[in-house]
Amino acid sequence: MSKFRKELRSIFSLAIGLVLATILCVAVVAHTVIPSLSWPSAFVLGAVVSPTDAVAAESIMQSLGLNRRIATIISGESLVNGVTRLVAYRFAIAAVSTGSFSLLNASTQFMLVSIGGIVIGLAIAWLAVWLYRWADNPLEQIIISIITPFATHLIAERLSTSGVIAMVAGGICLGRQSANFFAANTRLQSYAFWRVIVFLLNCLIFLLIGIQLGHLGFGKSSVLLLIEYAALISLTVIFVRLVWTFAVGFLLRQLNRFLPFHYHSIPALLIIGWSGMRGGISMATARLSPRPPRLAALSPGAIPSSLSPLASFFLLCCSRG
C-alpha cells in the first residue's frame, strides 16, 4: 500500500489522463477513417479499447520479473482506470442514444461515481472482515472471497456508483487486513483457486468473441478492410501511450528541480509505455456494446456490421498493445 501511495502521481496520470487522451485520439482516428461511424459511436469505440487489464498486466509482469516500482505502476493503473473508462463509456452510450453530451454532467458524475464507489467498497470490506474472522476453515473463507466481489459490484452498480472502484477500494482494504484472518494454508488454497477461475473466464471471453466474429459473414474484401482498421486503431493506442508516458516522465523530471517528484529513467518509461496490455475487460465491454445503425458499405457489396463486433475485432489486435 505504501508503494501504491508513493506512485500515485504516475498511476493517476495513466489511469485518468492517458485513458481520456486515448479515447479522444481513437475517436478522432476512427471517425476520420470510417466516415459512416458517428462521433458518439467513435467515442464508444475509444472507451472500449482505452483501459488496460489487471489480469493481463499481472501475467506479463510475472513472466518478465519487472522491478517492484514499475510493477506497482502498471498494476495500479489497470485497477484504477476502470472508473475513467466506465464514466466515459456510459456517457458515450448515452450520446449514441440521445445525441447529446454535457461536460459538466460528465465531470460531476465522475466525482460522484468515484467517491460513492470508494465508500461502498470500504463499507462492504469492513463487513467482509467480520465474516472472515467468523469463518473457521479455508472452505468457508474461500466462499466468502467469491461472494464479496460480486456483492460489492452489484450493490455499487445498484446505487449508480462504480462497481469497479468499489471492488478496488474493498480489495485494498481487505489486502491490508488479510494477515489478521487468513491462515497460510487458506492463502495458498485461495490463490490457486482464483488463478483457475481467472484462466477459465479469460478463455470464455475469447471463445465468445470468436463465436461472434465467426457469424458476421464478412466477405474477403471486407475482412481485409477491417484488418486495416484494426491495425490503424492498434497503432493509435500504442502511439498515444508511448507519447503520453514520455511526456509525463519529462514533465516530472523538470518539476523535480522545484518539488521532490519521483521520476523514471528512459528505459523504465519505455517499459511502462509498452505495457498497455488489453484483456478481458475490453473484450467483455465490446461484447456487450449496443448495436448502432448499420455502417455504410465497406466494399462494393454492403456489409451489415455494427460497432460491437467491429470493436471486438480491433481488440484482437490491441490486446497486446
Protein backbone atom coordinates (compact mmCIF):
# COMPACT_ATOMS: atom_id res chain seq x y z
CA MET A 1 0.00 0.00 0.00
CA SER A 2 2.89 2.39 0.77
CA LYS A 3 4.35 1.71 -2.69
CA PHE A 4 0.96 2.46 -4.23
CA ARG A 5 0.75 5.82 -2.44
CA LYS A 6 4.30 6.70 -3.49
CA GLU A 7 3.42 6.20 -7.17
CA LEU A 8 0.00 7.90 -7.07
CA ARG A 9 1.03 10.68 -9.49
CA SER A 10 2.18 8.21 -12.13
CA ILE A 11 -0.78 5.89 -11.60
CA PHE A 12 -3.43 8.62 -11.84
CA SER A 13 -1.67 10.19 -14.81
CA LEU A 14 -2.04 6.89 -16.68
CA ALA A 15 -5.41 5.84 -15.25
CA ILE A 16 -7.18 9.16 -15.88
CA GLY A 17 -5.18 11.37 -18.22
CA LEU A 18 -3.99 8.64 -20.58
CA VAL A 19 -7.39 6.93 -20.73
CA LEU A 20 -9.11 10.20 -21.70
CA ALA A 21 -6.39 11.01 -24.24
CA THR A 22 -6.69 7.52 -25.75
CA ILE A 23 -10.48 7.79 -26.00
CA LEU A 24 -10.19 11.15 -27.76
CA CYS A 25 -7.45 10.09 -30.21
CA VAL A 26 -9.10 6.77 -31.07
CA ALA A 27 -12.42 8.54 -31.65
CA VAL A 28 -10.80 11.09 -33.97
CA VAL A 29 -8.94 8.42 -35.95
CA ALA A 30 -11.92 6.07 -36.16
CA HIS A 31 -14.31 8.83 -37.27
CA THR A 32 -11.78 10.07 -39.84
CA VAL A 33 -11.04 6.71 -41.47
CA ILE A 34 -14.61 5.37 -41.15
CA PRO A 35 -16.85 8.28 -42.23
CA SER A 36 -20.01 6.24 -41.59
CA LEU A 37 -19.03 5.88 -37.92
CA SER A 38 -20.68 8.71 -36.00
CA TRP A 39 -18.84 10.71 -33.33
CA PRO A 40 -20.75 9.12 -30.41
CA SER A 41 -20.06 5.63 -31.78
CA ALA A 42 -16.40 6.52 -32.27
CA PHE A 43 -16.18 7.59 -28.63
CA VAL A 44 -17.79 4.29 -27.59
CA LEU A 45 -15.03 2.50 -29.50
CA GLY A 46 -12.42 4.67 -27.78
CA ALA A 47 -13.89 3.87 -24.36
CA VAL A 48 -13.84 0.15 -25.17
CA VAL A 49 -10.15 -0.05 -26.16
CA SER A 50 -8.77 2.54 -23.70
CA PRO A 51 -8.42 0.63 -20.39
CA THR A 52 -5.62 -1.80 -19.63
CA ASP A 53 -6.36 -5.12 -17.96
CA ALA A 54 -5.15 -6.09 -14.48
CA VAL A 55 -5.07 -9.83 -15.20
CA ALA A 56 -3.11 -9.41 -18.43
CA ALA A 57 -0.69 -7.00 -16.74
CA GLU A 58 -0.14 -9.34 -13.80
CA SER A 59 0.59 -12.34 -16.04
CA ILE A 60 3.10 -10.38 -18.12
CA MET A 61 4.84 -8.95 -15.05
CA GLN A 62 5.22 -12.40 -13.51
CA SER A 63 6.83 -13.74 -16.67
CA LEU A 64 9.20 -10.76 -17.10
CA GLY A 65 10.17 -10.26 -13.44
CA LEU A 66 9.88 -6.45 -13.52
CA ASN A 67 11.13 -4.39 -10.58
CA ARG A 68 8.51 -3.60 -7.96
CA ARG A 69 8.20 0.11 -8.74
CA ILE A 70 7.29 -0.44 -12.39
CA ALA A 71 5.07 -3.37 -11.45
CA THR A 72 3.22 -1.20 -8.91
CA ILE A 73 2.53 1.49 -11.53
CA ILE A 74 1.32 -0.94 -14.18
CA SER A 75 -0.92 -2.94 -11.84
CA GLY A 76 -2.18 0.22 -10.10
CA GLU A 77 -3.08 1.80 -13.44
CA SER A 78 -5.03 -1.25 -14.58
CA LEU A 79 -7.01 -1.28 -11.32
CA VAL A 80 -7.84 2.44 -11.16
CA ASN A 81 -8.56 3.20 -14.82
CA GLY A 82 -11.85 1.30 -14.63
CA VAL A 83 -13.76 4.29 -13.29
CA THR A 84 -12.49 6.59 -16.06
CA ARG A 85 -13.48 4.08 -18.71
CA LEU A 86 -16.82 3.42 -17.03
CA VAL A 87 -17.90 7.06 -16.92
CA ALA A 88 -16.65 7.74 -20.46
CA TYR A 89 -18.38 4.61 -21.75
CA ARG A 90 -21.66 5.47 -20.04
CA PHE A 91 -21.72 8.97 -21.49
CA ALA A 92 -20.71 7.73 -24.94
CA ILE A 93 -23.57 5.23 -24.87
CA ALA A 94 -25.93 7.98 -23.69
CA ALA A 95 -24.71 10.21 -26.53
CA VAL A 96 -25.37 7.41 -29.02
CA SER A 97 -28.90 7.04 -27.69
CA THR A 98 -29.85 10.71 -27.18
CA GLY A 99 -27.42 12.60 -29.40
CA SER A 100 -26.39 15.00 -26.58
CA PHE A 101 -23.42 15.36 -24.21
CA SER A 102 -22.66 17.64 -21.24
CA LEU A 103 -19.09 18.07 -19.97
CA LEU A 104 -20.33 19.47 -16.64
CA ASN A 105 -22.59 16.48 -16.07
CA ALA A 106 -19.78 14.12 -17.04
CA SER A 107 -17.35 15.73 -14.57
CA THR A 108 -19.91 15.72 -11.76
CA GLN A 109 -20.82 12.12 -12.49
CA PHE A 110 -17.14 11.16 -12.47
CA MET A 111 -16.67 12.54 -8.95
CA LEU A 112 -19.90 11.06 -7.58
CA VAL A 113 -19.24 7.66 -9.10
CA SER A 114 -15.68 7.59 -7.74
CA ILE A 115 -16.48 8.76 -4.20
CA GLY A 116 -19.59 6.61 -3.95
CA GLY A 117 -17.70 3.54 -5.14
CA ILE A 118 -14.95 4.05 -2.57
CA VAL A 119 -17.42 4.48 0.31
CA ILE A 120 -19.43 1.38 -0.65
CA GLY A 121 -16.29 -0.70 -1.20
CA LEU A 122 -14.88 0.19 2.22
CA ALA A 123 -18.21 -0.48 3.94
CA ILE A 124 -18.58 -3.94 2.40
CA ALA A 125 -14.90 -4.70 3.10
CA TRP A 126 -15.49 -3.91 6.78
CA LEU A 127 -18.39 -6.38 6.81
CA ALA A 128 -16.29 -8.97 4.96
CA VAL A 129 -13.52 -8.70 7.57
CA TRP A 130 -16.05 -9.60 10.25
CA LEU A 131 -17.27 -12.58 8.19
CA TYR A 132 -13.71 -13.79 7.57
CA ARG A 133 -12.99 -13.75 11.29
CA TRP A 134 -16.23 -15.61 11.96
CA ALA A 135 -15.41 -18.37 9.43
CA ASP A 136 -13.16 -21.05 10.89
CA ASN A 137 -11.97 -23.08 7.88
CA PRO A 138 -10.44 -22.42 4.42
CA LEU A 139 -13.55 -23.55 2.50
CA GLU A 140 -15.82 -21.01 4.19
CA GLN A 141 -13.29 -18.22 3.71
CA ILE A 142 -12.89 -19.03 0.01
CA ILE A 143 -16.68 -18.96 -0.40
CA ILE A 144 -16.72 -15.51 1.26
CA SER A 145 -13.98 -14.38 -1.15
CA ILE A 146 -16.25 -15.43 -4.05
CA ILE A 147 -19.35 -13.70 -2.73
CA THR A 148 -17.66 -10.45 -1.62
CA PRO A 149 -16.63 -9.02 -5.04
CA PHE A 150 -19.98 -9.94 -6.63
CA ALA A 151 -21.91 -8.37 -3.76
CA THR A 152 -19.69 -5.27 -3.85
CA HIS A 153 -20.12 -4.79 -7.59
CA LEU A 154 -23.87 -5.43 -7.60
CA ILE A 155 -24.58 -3.11 -4.67
CA ALA A 156 -22.37 -0.33 -6.08
CA GLU A 157 -23.96 -0.55 -9.52
CA ARG A 158 -27.43 -0.69 -7.98
CA LEU A 159 -26.66 2.60 -6.22
CA SER A 160 -25.39 4.14 -9.50
CA THR A 161 -21.74 4.26 -8.46
CA SER A 162 -18.69 2.45 -9.82
CA GLY A 163 -18.61 -1.27 -9.12
CA VAL A 164 -15.02 -1.39 -10.33
CA ILE A 165 -13.83 1.32 -7.93
CA ALA A 166 -15.85 -0.26 -5.11
CA MET A 167 -14.10 -3.59 -5.67
CA VAL A 168 -10.67 -1.95 -5.87
CA ALA A 169 -11.23 0.01 -2.64
CA GLY A 170 -12.59 -3.04 -0.89
CA GLY A 171 -9.77 -5.21 -2.19
CA ILE A 172 -7.10 -2.81 -0.95
CA CYS A 173 -8.76 -2.68 2.47
CA LEU A 174 -9.04 -6.47 2.69
CA GLY A 175 -5.48 -6.88 1.47
CA ARG A 176 -4.17 -4.76 4.33
CA GLN A 177 -6.23 -6.73 6.86
CA SER A 178 -5.73 -10.22 5.39
CA ALA A 179 -2.86 -11.13 7.71
CA ASN A 180 -5.28 -10.87 10.64
CA PHE A 181 -7.74 -13.51 9.42
CA PHE A 182 -6.10 -15.56 6.62
CA ALA A 183 -4.02 -18.54 7.69
CA ALA A 184 -1.12 -19.58 5.44
CA ASN A 185 -3.00 -22.70 4.29
CA THR A 186 -6.09 -20.66 3.36
CA ARG A 187 -3.98 -18.13 1.47
CA LEU A 188 -2.36 -20.85 -0.68
CA GLN A 189 -5.68 -22.55 -1.45
CA SER A 190 -7.38 -19.25 -2.27
CA TYR A 191 -4.55 -18.17 -4.60
CA ALA A 192 -4.69 -21.46 -6.54
CA PHE A 193 -8.49 -21.32 -6.77
CA TRP A 194 -8.58 -17.78 -8.16
CA ARG A 195 -5.84 -18.49 -10.70
CA VAL A 196 -8.01 -21.25 -12.17
CA ILE A 197 -11.14 -19.04 -12.18
CA VAL A 198 -9.34 -16.16 -13.91
CA PHE A 199 -7.90 -18.50 -16.55
CA LEU A 200 -11.32 -20.03 -17.29
CA LEU A 201 -13.03 -16.63 -17.51
CA ASN A 202 -10.41 -15.32 -19.95
CA CYS A 203 -10.83 -18.42 -22.11
CA LEU A 204 -14.61 -17.96 -22.08
CA ILE A 205 -14.39 -14.31 -23.13
CA PHE A 206 -12.13 -15.02 -26.10
CA LEU A 207 -14.30 -18.01 -27.08
CA LEU A 208 -17.43 -15.83 -27.11
CA ILE A 209 -15.67 -13.18 -29.21
CA GLY A 210 -14.54 -15.85 -31.69
CA ILE A 211 -18.07 -17.23 -31.96
CA GLN A 212 -19.48 -13.74 -32.52
CA LEU A 213 -16.95 -12.86 -35.23
CA GLY A 214 -17.50 -16.21 -36.92
CA HIS A 215 -21.17 -15.41 -37.55
CA LEU A 216 -20.70 -11.96 -39.08
CA GLY A 217 -20.47 -13.28 -42.61
CA PHE A 218 -17.90 -10.80 -43.93
CA GLY A 219 -16.61 -11.15 -47.44
CA LYS A 220 -12.90 -11.38 -48.20
CA SER A 221 -12.54 -7.70 -49.13
CA SER A 222 -14.43 -6.65 -46.01
CA VAL A 223 -12.19 -8.71 -43.72
CA LEU A 224 -9.10 -7.12 -45.26
CA LEU A 225 -10.56 -3.68 -44.74
CA LEU A 226 -11.40 -4.47 -41.12
CA ILE A 227 -7.84 -5.69 -40.58
CA GLU A 228 -6.57 -2.36 -41.90
CA TYR A 229 -8.88 -0.50 -39.50
CA ALA A 230 -7.81 -2.75 -36.62
CA ALA A 231 -4.13 -2.16 -37.35
CA LEU A 232 -4.65 1.62 -37.51
CA ILE A 233 -6.55 1.68 -34.19
CA SER A 234 -3.90 -0.54 -32.59
CA LEU A 235 -1.10 1.77 -33.74
CA THR A 236 -3.05 4.77 -32.43
CA VAL A 237 -3.42 3.19 -28.98
CA ILE A 238 0.27 2.24 -28.83
CA PHE A 239 1.47 5.62 -30.13
CA VAL A 240 -0.68 7.66 -27.72
CA ARG A 241 0.51 5.60 -24.75
CA LEU A 242 4.19 5.96 -25.63
CA VAL A 243 3.90 9.71 -26.26
CA TRP A 244 1.92 10.26 -23.04
CA THR A 245 4.33 8.21 -20.93
CA PHE A 246 7.43 10.02 -22.13
CA ALA A 247 5.73 13.45 -21.97
CA VAL A 248 4.62 12.95 -18.36
CA GLY A 249 8.01 11.46 -17.46
CA PHE A 250 9.79 14.51 -18.91
CA LEU A 251 7.43 16.85 -17.06
CA LEU A 252 8.05 15.13 -13.71
CA ARG A 253 11.79 15.25 -14.34
CA GLN A 254 11.60 19.01 -14.90
CA LEU A 255 9.37 19.57 -11.87
CA ASN A 256 11.81 17.63 -9.74
CA ARG A 257 14.04 20.72 -9.79
CA PHE A 258 11.46 22.53 -7.66
CA LEU A 259 9.47 19.75 -5.91
CA PRO A 260 10.51 16.24 -4.76
CA PHE A 261 8.77 14.27 -7.53
CA HIS A 262 9.58 10.65 -8.24
CA TYR A 263 10.55 10.27 -11.89
CA HIS A 264 11.67 7.34 -14.00
CA SER A 265 14.61 6.60 -16.25
CA ILE A 266 14.13 6.36 -20.02
CA PRO A 267 14.29 2.51 -20.05
CA ALA A 268 11.64 2.42 -17.29
CA LEU A 269 9.41 4.81 -19.26
CA LEU A 270 9.80 2.61 -22.34
CA ILE A 271 8.69 -0.47 -20.36
CA ILE A 272 5.70 1.39 -18.89
CA GLY A 273 4.78 2.77 -22.31
CA TRP A 274 4.88 -0.68 -23.88
CA SER A 275 2.92 -2.36 -21.07
CA GLY A 276 -0.60 -1.33 -22.01
CA MET A 277 -2.00 -4.85 -22.21
CA ARG A 278 -5.67 -5.22 -23.11
CA GLY A 279 -7.68 -8.20 -21.97
CA GLY A 280 -10.98 -9.45 -20.62
CA ILE A 281 -12.46 -6.10 -19.59
CA SER A 282 -12.21 -4.63 -23.08
CA MET A 283 -13.40 -7.85 -24.67
CA ALA A 284 -16.44 -8.06 -22.40
CA THR A 285 -17.27 -4.37 -22.97
CA ALA A 286 -17.10 -4.84 -26.74
CA ARG A 287 -19.29 -7.93 -26.44
CA LEU A 288 -21.97 -6.00 -24.53
CA SER A 289 -21.86 -2.77 -26.57
CA PRO A 290 -25.23 -1.89 -28.12
CA ARG A 291 -25.57 -2.05 -31.86
CA PRO A 292 -25.95 1.34 -33.54
CA PRO A 293 -27.33 1.75 -37.05
CA ARG A 294 -25.52 -0.32 -39.59
CA LEU A 295 -22.38 1.01 -41.12
CA ALA A 296 -22.32 2.12 -44.72
CA ALA A 297 -20.92 -0.17 -47.39
CA LEU A 298 -17.28 -1.01 -46.81
CA SER A 299 -16.94 -2.70 -50.18
CA PRO A 300 -18.95 -2.97 -53.39
CA GLY A 301 -21.35 -5.26 -51.51
CA ALA A 302 -22.93 -3.58 -48.48
CA ILE A 303 -21.78 -5.32 -45.28
CA PRO A 304 -24.13 -5.29 -42.28
CA SER A 305 -21.65 -4.80 -39.44
CA SER A 306 -22.10 -2.95 -36.13
CA LEU A 307 -19.95 -1.31 -33.53
CA SER A 308 -19.72 -4.23 -31.12
CA PRO A 309 -18.17 -6.84 -33.45
CA LEU A 310 -16.03 -4.16 -35.10
CA ALA A 311 -14.63 -3.14 -31.71
CA SER A 312 -14.09 -6.80 -30.84
CA PHE A 313 -12.02 -7.25 -33.99
CA PHE A 314 -9.95 -4.17 -33.13
CA LEU A 315 -9.30 -5.58 -29.67
CA LEU A 316 -7.87 -8.81 -31.04
CA CYS A 317 -5.05 -6.67 -32.42
CA CYS A 318 -4.91 -4.29 -29.42
CA SER A 319 -4.80 -6.97 -26.72
CA ARG A 320 -1.00 -6.87 -26.61
CA GLY A 321 -0.82 -3.13 -27.33
